[in-house]
């Protein structure tokens, strides 16, 4: 009876098996591990030295020390969260294993949950050394933000999962010819998310678009915390509400694209 109920519901064992599969795949390749560490470290070092230079020549950045490094770290959480999700999915596409997974007892929701957890693991491998470098080289302690950091992180990772689920569905339906969208879509969000500047610098009509994106609330909240020492709870709640809608919409889009892929034989073609 217990086996039957697990089969009909969400199986923790199946999710765990998928996570273990991706973990072994990651640990068996040092270039994969190096890539997770290399880019975040390079970013924080480059932007950190830029922050020092600007602070020495501009009073605003001298007063608002750490805003640029903080923005880089939070942006990397957003970008790496989505990429960590999507890369694990692409591993299945590259191996032409999607059809096998979809014919197994693995449910789509279990597949997505395993990708979410794996994205957190991949993110931790890259982000933790990045934050330690920021602390050691530039004396910026992101963990010193305290509880607001949890709100920032949760909202950013929810957005990254929404984007990851959606682009994975597009690749699933259209094949690896659509793979480039995995790497580029998040960069289309970058100027609208107001990572390095406040939303007020955008044209008025574009500000409406920016405020429709959850990351905008996070980066505005980060600047308010670092510059004004004020935690904007209202911004975090607004971001959470939008994220909830985005996650539901992305799940629905993925399931619709999966049904379309099955109907059109995309799963059997191996992503071509």
Protein backbone atom coordinates (compact mmCIF):
# COMPACT_ATOMS: atom_id res chain seq x y z
CA UNK A 1 0.00 0.00 0.00
CA UNK A 2 2.85 2.40 0.85
CA UNK A 3 4.57 1.68 -2.47
CA UNK A 4 1.29 2.38 -4.29
CA UNK A 5 0.77 5.71 -2.55
CA UNK A 6 4.34 6.75 -3.31
CA UNK A 7 3.82 5.88 -6.95
CA UNK A 8 0.66 7.95 -7.19
CA UNK A 9 2.12 10.88 -5.28
CA UNK A 10 5.52 12.57 -5.26
CA UNK A 11 8.27 10.06 -4.56
CA UNK A 12 11.18 11.30 -2.48
CA UNK A 13 13.18 8.25 -3.57
CA UNK A 14 12.82 9.06 -7.26
CA UNK A 15 13.78 12.70 -6.66
CA UNK A 16 16.77 11.55 -4.60
CA UNK A 17 17.83 9.17 -7.35
CA UNK A 18 17.84 11.99 -9.92
CA UNK A 19 19.81 14.27 -7.60
CA UNK A 20 22.33 11.49 -7.03
CA UNK A 21 22.62 11.00 -10.79
CA UNK A 22 23.44 14.69 -11.35
CA UNK A 23 25.79 14.76 -8.35
CA UNK A 24 27.84 11.84 -9.70
CA UNK A 25 27.91 13.51 -13.10
CA UNK A 26 29.18 16.75 -11.57
CA UNK A 27 31.78 15.12 -9.33
CA UNK A 28 33.15 12.95 -12.16
CA UNK A 29 34.26 15.99 -14.21
CA UNK A 30 36.76 18.52 -12.84
CA UNK A 31 36.09 20.97 -15.73
CA UNK A 32 32.44 21.15 -14.61
CA UNK A 33 33.53 21.93 -11.05
CA UNK A 34 36.10 24.45 -12.22
CA UNK A 35 33.50 26.30 -14.29
CA UNK A 36 31.28 26.63 -11.22
CA UNK A 37 34.12 28.26 -9.28
CA UNK A 38 35.89 30.21 -12.03
CA UNK A 39 33.26 32.66 -13.28
CA UNK A 40 31.88 33.78 -9.90
CA UNK A 41 35.41 34.34 -8.59
CA UNK A 42 36.38 36.28 -11.71
CA UNK A 43 33.30 38.47 -11.44
CA UNK A 44 33.72 39.40 -7.80
CA UNK A 45 37.42 40.20 -8.28
CA UNK A 46 36.81 42.37 -11.37
CA UNK A 47 33.84 44.27 -9.96
CA UNK A 48 35.43 44.49 -6.53
CA UNK A 49 38.46 46.36 -7.83
CA UNK A 50 36.14 48.58 -9.87
CA UNK A 51 34.19 49.33 -6.68
CA UNK A 52 37.43 50.37 -4.95
CA UNK A 53 38.41 52.63 -7.84
CA UNK A 54 35.01 54.33 -7.99
CA UNK A 55 34.89 54.74 -4.20
CA UNK A 56 38.22 56.56 -4.32
CA UNK A 57 36.86 59.00 -6.89
CA UNK A 58 33.20 59.45 -6.02
CA UNK A 59 31.71 60.42 -2.67
CA UNK A 60 28.47 58.51 -3.27
CA UNK A 61 30.16 55.14 -3.67
CA UNK A 62 32.42 55.94 -0.74
CA UNK A 63 29.29 56.35 1.39
CA UNK A 64 27.51 53.40 -0.17
CA UNK A 65 30.42 51.01 0.00
CA UNK A 66 29.61 47.48 -1.08
CA UNK A 67 26.58 48.24 -3.25
CA UNK A 68 28.38 47.21 -6.41
CA UNK A 69 29.88 44.04 -4.94
CA UNK A 70 26.55 43.20 -3.32
CA UNK A 71 24.78 43.64 -6.65
CA UNK A 72 27.31 41.35 -8.35
CA UNK A 73 26.81 38.62 -5.75
CA UNK A 74 23.02 38.82 -5.87
CA UNK A 75 23.04 38.89 -9.68
CA UNK A 76 25.20 35.77 -9.70
CA UNK A 77 22.69 34.03 -7.42
CA UNK A 78 19.97 34.84 -9.95
CA UNK A 79 22.00 33.88 -13.01
CA UNK A 80 23.71 30.81 -11.55
CA UNK A 81 20.45 29.56 -10.05
CA UNK A 82 18.84 29.53 -13.47
CA UNK A 83 21.94 28.13 -15.17
CA UNK A 84 22.35 25.40 -12.54
CA UNK A 85 18.77 24.31 -13.21
CA UNK A 86 19.07 24.47 -16.98
CA UNK A 87 22.48 22.80 -17.27
CA UNK A 88 21.23 19.69 -15.46
CA UNK A 89 18.29 19.62 -17.85
CA UNK A 90 20.56 20.08 -20.88
CA UNK A 91 22.70 17.17 -19.71
CA UNK A 92 19.68 14.96 -20.34
CA UNK A 93 19.08 16.53 -23.74
CA UNK A 94 22.71 16.12 -24.78
CA UNK A 95 22.65 12.48 -23.67
CA UNK A 96 19.33 11.93 -25.52
CA UNK A 97 17.90 10.61 -22.27
CA UNK A 98 14.75 12.74 -21.99
CA UNK A 99 12.60 10.15 -23.77
CA UNK A 100 13.78 7.45 -21.37
CA UNK A 101 13.01 9.60 -18.33
CA UNK A 102 9.53 10.47 -19.56
CA UNK A 103 8.76 6.76 -20.13
CA UNK A 104 9.93 5.88 -16.61
CA UNK A 105 7.79 6.19 -13.44
CA UNK A 106 9.42 9.58 -12.88
CA UNK A 107 6.75 12.27 -12.84
CA UNK A 108 7.37 15.71 -14.43
CA UNK A 109 7.00 17.43 -11.03
CA UNK A 110 9.62 15.08 -9.55
CA UNK A 111 11.94 15.81 -12.46
CA UNK A 112 11.58 19.56 -11.92
CA UNK A 113 12.04 19.28 -8.15
CA UNK A 114 15.27 17.32 -8.63
CA UNK A 115 16.52 20.03 -11.00
CA UNK A 116 15.65 22.70 -8.43
CA UNK A 117 17.57 20.97 -5.66
CA UNK A 118 20.52 20.35 -7.97
CA UNK A 119 20.56 24.04 -8.88
CA UNK A 120 20.96 24.87 -5.18
CA UNK A 121 23.89 22.46 -4.89
CA UNK A 122 25.61 23.88 -7.97
CA UNK A 123 24.90 27.41 -6.76
CA UNK A 124 26.46 26.74 -3.35
CA UNK A 125 29.65 25.41 -4.95
CA UNK A 126 30.12 28.66 -6.88
CA UNK A 127 28.65 31.30 -4.57
CA UNK A 128 30.19 30.36 -1.22
CA UNK A 129 33.80 30.77 -2.45
CA UNK A 130 32.70 33.98 -4.18
CA UNK A 131 31.38 35.46 -0.94
CA UNK A 132 34.55 34.44 0.91
CA UNK A 133 36.66 36.18 -1.74
CA UNK A 134 34.54 39.32 -1.36
CA UNK A 135 35.14 39.20 2.39
CA UNK A 136 38.88 38.50 2.16
CA UNK A 137 39.79 40.89 -0.67
CA UNK A 138 37.26 43.71 -0.29
CA UNK A 139 36.00 43.37 3.30
CA UNK A 140 32.40 43.01 2.12
CA UNK A 141 30.52 40.52 4.27
CA UNK A 142 27.32 39.58 2.48
CA UNK A 143 26.35 37.40 5.44
CA UNK A 144 26.42 40.55 7.56
CA UNK A 145 23.15 41.54 5.89
CA UNK A 146 21.49 39.10 8.28
CA UNK A 147 17.89 37.98 7.83
CA UNK A 148 17.25 40.27 4.81
CA UNK A 149 19.77 38.13 2.90
CA UNK A 150 17.38 35.18 3.24
CA UNK A 151 14.57 37.23 1.70
CA UNK A 152 16.86 38.40 -1.11
CA UNK A 153 18.08 34.85 -1.77
CA UNK A 154 14.64 33.23 -1.75
CA UNK A 155 13.14 35.75 -4.16
CA UNK A 156 16.08 35.50 -6.54
CA UNK A 157 16.16 31.69 -6.54
CA UNK A 158 12.39 31.54 -7.13
CA UNK A 159 12.81 33.80 -10.16
CA UNK A 160 15.73 31.74 -11.44
CA UNK A 161 13.66 28.56 -11.17
CA UNK A 162 10.74 30.16 -13.03
CA UNK A 163 13.02 31.17 -15.90
CA UNK A 164 14.80 27.80 -15.82
CA UNK A 165 11.55 25.84 -16.00
CA UNK A 166 10.25 27.96 -18.86
CA UNK A 167 13.40 27.82 -21.02
CA UNK A 168 13.73 24.08 -20.37
CA UNK A 169 10.22 23.63 -21.69
CA UNK A 170 11.11 25.62 -24.80
CA UNK A 171 14.17 23.46 -25.43
CA UNK A 172 12.13 20.33 -24.77
CA UNK A 173 9.57 21.36 -27.38
CA UNK A 174 11.88 22.90 -30.00
CA UNK A 175 15.02 20.82 -29.54
CA UNK A 176 18.62 21.85 -29.01
CA UNK A 177 18.27 24.45 -31.75
CA UNK A 178 16.69 26.58 -29.00
CA UNK A 179 19.56 25.90 -26.57
CA UNK A 180 20.98 29.40 -26.90
CA UNK A 181 17.97 30.84 -25.09
CA UNK A 182 19.16 29.05 -21.94
CA UNK A 183 22.32 31.16 -21.93
CA UNK A 184 20.89 34.47 -23.13
CA UNK A 185 17.40 35.02 -21.69
CA UNK A 186 18.62 36.03 -18.24
CA UNK A 187 20.89 38.67 -19.77
CA UNK A 188 17.82 40.18 -21.43
CA UNK A 189 16.44 40.67 -17.91
CA UNK A 190 19.68 42.27 -16.63
CA UNK A 191 19.07 45.90 -17.74
CA UNK A 192 15.42 45.77 -16.63
CA UNK A 193 16.14 44.23 -13.22
CA UNK A 194 18.10 47.38 -12.26
CA UNK A 195 21.01 45.37 -10.88
CA UNK A 196 23.56 48.19 -10.84
CA UNK A 197 21.32 51.28 -10.78
CA UNK A 198 17.93 52.31 -9.35
CA UNK A 199 14.75 51.90 -11.37
CA UNK A 200 14.31 55.68 -11.36
CA UNK A 201 17.02 56.08 -14.03
CA UNK A 202 14.89 54.21 -16.58
CA UNK A 203 12.37 55.98 -18.83
CA UNK A 204 8.97 56.15 -17.15
CA UNK A 205 7.35 53.68 -19.56
CA UNK A 206 10.17 51.20 -19.00
CA UNK A 207 9.87 51.49 -15.23
CA UNK A 208 6.50 49.72 -15.45
CA UNK A 209 8.23 46.76 -17.12
CA UNK A 210 11.02 46.78 -14.53
CA UNK A 211 8.60 46.71 -11.61
CA UNK A 212 6.88 43.67 -13.13
CA UNK A 213 10.10 41.69 -12.51
CA UNK A 214 10.79 40.33 -9.00
CA UNK A 215 14.59 40.94 -9.15
CA UNK A 216 13.97 44.70 -9.39
CA UNK A 217 12.43 44.63 -5.92
CA UNK A 218 15.38 42.64 -4.57
CA UNK A 219 18.06 44.97 -5.92
CA UNK A 220 16.15 48.06 -4.82
CA UNK A 221 15.82 46.44 -1.40
CA UNK A 222 19.54 45.70 -1.28
CA UNK A 223 20.42 49.33 -2.04
CA UNK A 224 17.96 50.56 0.59
CA UNK A 225 19.57 48.25 3.15
CA UNK A 226 23.17 49.18 2.33
CA UNK A 227 22.68 52.92 1.76
CA UNK A 228 19.82 53.79 4.12
CA UNK A 229 20.13 50.84 6.56
CA UNK A 230 16.45 50.15 5.97
CA UNK A 231 14.95 46.75 5.19
CA UNK A 232 11.99 47.20 2.82
CA UNK A 233 9.61 44.40 3.80
CA UNK A 234 7.03 45.72 1.35
CA UNK A 235 9.41 45.20 -1.58
CA UNK A 236 10.13 41.61 -0.54
CA UNK A 237 6.44 40.76 -0.17
CA UNK A 238 5.66 42.26 -3.59
CA UNK A 239 8.51 40.23 -5.12
CA UNK A 240 7.25 37.07 -3.42
CA UNK A 241 3.73 37.57 -4.80
CA UNK A 242 5.03 38.03 -8.35
CA UNK A 243 7.32 35.04 -7.96
CA UNK A 244 4.43 32.84 -6.86
CA UNK A 245 2.53 33.78 -10.02
CA UNK A 246 5.61 33.22 -12.19
CA UNK A 247 6.29 29.78 -10.70
CA UNK A 248 2.71 28.65 -11.31
CA UNK A 249 2.81 30.01 -14.86
CA UNK A 250 6.19 28.38 -15.59
CA UNK A 251 4.97 24.99 -14.31
CA UNK A 252 1.90 25.27 -16.50
CA UNK A 253 3.99 26.30 -19.52
CA UNK A 254 6.41 23.39 -18.99
CA UNK A 255 3.60 20.83 -18.80
CA UNK A 256 1.95 22.29 -21.91
CA UNK A 257 5.24 22.23 -23.82
CA UNK A 258 5.88 18.66 -22.62
CA UNK A 259 2.49 17.54 -23.93
CA UNK A 260 3.22 19.27 -27.23
CA UNK A 261 6.64 17.60 -27.42
CA UNK A 262 5.08 14.18 -26.86
CA UNK A 263 2.44 14.86 -29.49
CA UNK A 264 4.98 16.03 -32.07
CA UNK A 265 7.59 13.37 -31.31
CA UNK A 266 10.25 15.78 -30.02
CA UNK A 267 11.15 13.47 -27.16
CA UNK A 268 11.92 10.58 -29.50
CA UNK A 269 14.01 12.74 -31.84
CA UNK A 270 16.56 13.36 -29.10
CA UNK A 271 16.20 17.12 -29.14
CA UNK A 272 17.06 17.61 -32.81
